[in-house]
Amino acid sequence: MIPVQYRALAAGLGLLLAMTLAGAAGWFTNGSRHDAEIAELQRAHAETMRSQSELALTTLQADAARITTAATEFAAIQSNLAPRMSALTKELRNAPKLPAGCVPDPVRVRNLDAAIEAANKSIPR
């Protein structure tokens, strides 16, 4: 049999142990709940980042396709325009000198008009 003064001590220690176990169980349960919340937030964040990455990739692919199309159009324009500009430059160099009054002659005006028309046609609309 346990003496009376030790029974109260044993009861107090038992109560303290029970409260410690209850607190530890509550702490563990609360920690598990927060771990689940954190995992859900991380999953939602990863999903958001994935969808934003897919959107950025789609936009990048569309932009790359537009750049490729524009480069192809530019190459076609360049290949058509370069010989014409070369011929016009040659004609302008071989045109007669300007008269003393600095008035362009009809040949020079015609060549300048042709150069302007070729440049205007090469501009994509």
C-alpha atoms as a PDB file:
ATOM      1  CA  MET A   1       0.000   0.000   0.000  1.00  0.00           C
ATOM      2  CA  ILE A   2       1.213   3.508  -0.909  1.00  0.00           C
ATOM      3  CA  PRO A   3       1.303   6.126   1.876  1.00  0.00           C
ATOM      4  CA  VAL A   4      -1.182   9.046   1.546  1.00  0.00           C
ATOM      5  CA  GLN A   5       1.391  11.760   0.840  1.00  0.00           C
ATOM      6  CA  TYR A   6       2.729   9.679  -2.067  1.00  0.00           C
ATOM      7  CA  ARG A   7      -0.761   8.943  -3.448  1.00  0.00           C
ATOM      8  CA  ALA A   8      -1.383  12.645  -4.045  1.00  0.00           C
ATOM      9  CA  LEU A   9       2.043  12.896  -5.674  1.00  0.00           C
ATOM     10  CA  ALA A  10       1.315   9.826  -7.821  1.00  0.00           C
ATOM     11  CA  ALA A  11      -2.094  11.258  -8.790  1.00  0.00           C
ATOM     12  CA  GLY A  12      -0.480  14.592  -9.687  1.00  0.00           C
ATOM     13  CA  LEU A  13       2.208  12.851 -11.738  1.00  0.00           C
ATOM     14  CA  GLY A  14      -0.449  10.717 -13.431  1.00  0.00           C
ATOM     15  CA  LEU A  15      -2.484  13.819 -14.236  1.00  0.00           C
ATOM     16  CA  LEU A  16       0.635  15.569 -15.524  1.00  0.00           C
ATOM     17  CA  LEU A  17       1.475  12.536 -17.675  1.00  0.00           C
ATOM     18  CA  ALA A  18      -2.092  12.382 -19.024  1.00  0.00           C
ATOM     19  CA  MET A  19      -2.044  16.099 -19.856  1.00  0.00           C
ATOM     20  CA  THR A  20       1.357  15.756 -21.516  1.00  0.00           C
ATOM     21  CA  LEU A  21       0.106  12.829 -23.629  1.00  0.00           C
ATOM     22  CA  ALA A  22      -3.069  14.743 -24.542  1.00  0.00           C
ATOM     23  CA  GLY A  23      -1.018  17.816 -25.478  1.00  0.00           C
ATOM     24  CA  ALA A  24       1.378  15.729 -27.545  1.00  0.00           C
ATOM     25  CA  ALA A  25      -1.547  14.042 -29.320  1.00  0.00           C
ATOM     26  CA  GLY A  26      -3.126  17.448 -30.035  1.00  0.00           C
ATOM     27  CA  TRP A  27       0.203  18.825 -31.234  1.00  0.00           C
ATOM     28  CA  PHE A  28       0.697  15.820 -33.523  1.00  0.00           C
ATOM     29  CA  THR A  29      -2.859  16.028 -34.889  1.00  0.00           C
ATOM     30  CA  ASN A  30      -2.602  19.776 -35.481  1.00  0.00           C
ATOM     31  CA  GLY A  31       0.812  19.318 -37.138  1.00  0.00           C
ATOM     32  CA  SER A  32      -0.597  16.632 -39.438  1.00  0.00           C
ATOM     33  CA  ARG A  33      -3.486  18.911 -40.382  1.00  0.00           C
ATOM     34  CA  HIS A  34      -1.094  21.778 -41.170  1.00  0.00           C
ATOM     35  CA  ASP A  35       1.151  19.427 -43.141  1.00  0.00           C
ATOM     36  CA  ALA A  36      -1.884  18.457 -45.230  1.00  0.00           C
ATOM     37  CA  GLU A  37      -2.760  22.141 -45.784  1.00  0.00           C
ATOM     38  CA  ILE A  38       0.819  22.936 -46.810  1.00  0.00           C
ATOM     39  CA  ALA A  39       0.853  19.976 -49.205  1.00  0.00           C
ATOM     40  CA  GLU A  40      -2.423  21.165 -50.761  1.00  0.00           C
ATOM     41  CA  LEU A  41      -1.079  24.716 -51.148  1.00  0.00           C
ATOM     42  CA  GLN A  42       2.102  23.380 -52.761  1.00  0.00           C
ATOM     43  CA  ARG A  43       0.022  21.228 -55.147  1.00  0.00           C
ATOM     44  CA  ALA A  44      -2.163  24.212 -56.088  1.00  0.00           C
ATOM     45  CA  HIS A  45       0.940  26.357 -56.630  1.00  0.00           C
ATOM     46  CA  ALA A  46       2.528  23.682 -58.827  1.00  0.00           C
ATOM     47  CA  GLU A  47      -0.683  23.434 -60.868  1.00  0.00           C
ATOM     48  CA  THR A  48      -0.799  27.212 -61.323  1.00  0.00           C
ATOM     49  CA  MET A  49       2.848  27.300 -62.389  1.00  0.00           C
ATOM     50  CA  ARG A  50       2.236  24.430 -64.833  1.00  0.00           C
ATOM     51  CA  SER A  51      -0.726  26.195 -66.468  1.00  0.00           C
ATOM     52  CA  GLN A  52       1.221  29.476 -66.699  1.00  0.00           C
ATOM     53  CA  SER A  53       4.173  27.639 -68.227  1.00  0.00           C
ATOM     54  CA  GLU A  54       1.920  25.972 -70.797  1.00  0.00           C
ATOM     55  CA  LEU A  55       0.407  29.355 -71.700  1.00  0.00           C
ATOM     56  CA  ALA A  56       3.867  30.921 -72.037  1.00  0.00           C
ATOM     57  CA  LEU A  57       5.016  28.017 -74.214  1.00  0.00           C
ATOM     58  CA  THR A  58       1.954  28.316 -76.460  1.00  0.00           C
ATOM     59  CA  THR A  59       2.510  32.060 -76.807  1.00  0.00           C
ATOM     60  CA  LEU A  60       6.194  31.516 -77.555  1.00  0.00           C
ATOM     61  CA  GLN A  61       5.389  28.926 -80.226  1.00  0.00           C
ATOM     62  CA  ALA A  62       2.843  31.265 -81.858  1.00  0.00           C
ATOM     63  CA  ASP A  63       5.361  34.127 -81.812  1.00  0.00           C
ATOM     64  CA  ALA A  64       8.052  31.877 -83.307  1.00  0.00           C
ATOM     65  CA  ALA A  65       5.665  30.866 -86.086  1.00  0.00           C
ATOM     66  CA  ARG A  66       4.876  34.534 -86.816  1.00  0.00           C
ATOM     67  CA  ILE A  67       8.587  35.385 -86.876  1.00  0.00           C
ATOM     68  CA  THR A  68       9.268  32.487 -89.246  1.00  0.00           C
ATOM     69  CA  THR A  69       6.458  33.630 -91.554  1.00  0.00           C
ATOM     70  CA  ALA A  70       7.702  37.218 -91.502  1.00  0.00           C
ATOM     71  CA  ALA A  71      11.269  36.076 -92.211  1.00  0.00           C
ATOM     72  CA  THR A  72      10.069  34.017 -95.178  1.00  0.00           C
ATOM     73  CA  GLU A  73       8.099  36.977 -96.521  1.00  0.00           C
ATOM     74  CA  PHE A  74      11.115  39.244 -96.021  1.00  0.00           C
ATOM     75  CA  ALA A  75      13.368  36.818 -97.894  1.00  0.00           C
ATOM     76  CA  ALA A  76      10.905  36.732-100.805  1.00  0.00           C
ATOM     77  CA  ILE A  77      10.646  40.514-100.874  1.00  0.00           C
ATOM     78  CA  GLN A  78      14.417  40.851-100.594  1.00  0.00           C
ATOM     79  CA  SER A  79      15.032  38.428-103.467  1.00  0.00           C
ATOM     80  CA  ASN A  80      12.538  40.304-105.674  1.00  0.00           C
ATOM     81  CA  LEU A  81      13.582  43.781-104.642  1.00  0.00           C
ATOM     82  CA  ALA A  82      17.385  43.434-104.709  1.00  0.00           C
ATOM     83  CA  PRO A  83      17.771  42.956-108.494  1.00  0.00           C
ATOM     84  CA  ARG A  84      15.305  45.746-109.222  1.00  0.00           C
ATOM     85  CA  MET A  85      17.046  48.128-106.847  1.00  0.00           C
ATOM     86  CA  SER A  86      20.408  47.181-108.346  1.00  0.00           C
ATOM     87  CA  ALA A  87      19.135  47.911-111.847  1.00  0.00           C
ATOM     88  CA  LEU A  88      17.622  51.238-110.742  1.00  0.00           C
ATOM     89  CA  THR A  89      20.856  52.212-108.967  1.00  0.00           C
ATOM     90  CA  LYS A  90      22.823  51.422-112.117  1.00  0.00           C
ATOM     91  CA  GLU A  91      20.440  53.499-114.242  1.00  0.00           C
ATOM     92  CA  LEU A  92      20.672  56.429-111.832  1.00  0.00           C
ATOM     93  CA  ARG A  93      24.477  56.283-111.872  1.00  0.00           C
ATOM     94  CA  ASN A  94      24.532  56.176-115.661  1.00  0.00           C
ATOM     95  CA  ALA A  95      21.956  58.950-116.060  1.00  0.00           C
ATOM     96  CA  PRO A  96      23.189  62.151-117.631  1.00  0.00           C
ATOM     97  CA  LYS A  97      24.494  64.852-115.309  1.00  0.00           C
ATOM     98  CA  LEU A  98      21.975  67.341-114.008  1.00  0.00           C
ATOM     99  CA  PRO A  99      21.648  70.525-116.011  1.00  0.00           C
ATOM    100  CA  ALA A 100      23.007  73.790-114.627  1.00  0.00           C
ATOM    101  CA  GLY A 101      19.590  74.729-113.147  1.00  0.00           C
ATOM    102  CA  CYS A 102      19.514  71.459-111.085  1.00  0.00           C
ATOM    103  CA  VAL A 103      16.279  70.323-112.680  1.00  0.00           C
ATOM    104  CA  PRO A 104      16.126  66.500-113.092  1.00  0.00           C
ATOM    105  CA  ASP A 105      15.626  65.323-116.643  1.00  0.00           C
ATOM    106  CA  PRO A 106      12.752  62.966-117.560  1.00  0.00           C
ATOM    107  CA  VAL A 107      14.967  59.859-117.424  1.00  0.00           C
ATOM    108  CA  ARG A 108      16.112  60.598-113.875  1.00  0.00           C
ATOM    109  CA  VAL A 109      12.548  61.406-112.750  1.00  0.00           C
ATOM    110  CA  ARG A 110      11.291  58.156-114.287  1.00  0.00           C
ATOM    111  CA  ASN A 111      14.027  56.177-112.489  1.00  0.00           C
ATOM    112  CA  LEU A 112      13.281  57.870-109.161  1.00  0.00           C
ATOM    113  CA  ASP A 113       9.555  57.166-109.607  1.00  0.00           C
ATOM    114  CA  ALA A 114      10.346  53.513-110.363  1.00  0.00           C
ATOM    115  CA  ALA A 115      12.528  53.262-107.234  1.00  0.00           C
ATOM    116  CA  ILE A 116       9.775  54.772-105.086  1.00  0.00           C
ATOM    117  CA  GLU A 117       7.178  52.447-106.598  1.00  0.00           C
ATOM    118  CA  ALA A 118       9.403  49.375-106.014  1.00  0.00           C
ATOM    119  CA  ALA A 119      10.015  50.391-102.398  1.00  0.00           C
ATOM    120  CA  ASN A 120       6.325  50.988-101.790  1.00  0.00           C
ATOM    121  CA  LYS A 121       5.374  47.622-103.291  1.00  0.00           C
ATOM    122  CA  SER A 122       7.867  45.855-101.053  1.00  0.00           C
ATOM    123  CA  ILE A 123       6.215  47.137 -97.874  1.00  0.00           C
ATOM    124  CA  PRO A 124       3.885  44.413 -96.519  1.00  0.00           C
ATOM    125  CA  ARG A 125       0.402  45.638 -95.813  1.00  0.00           C
END
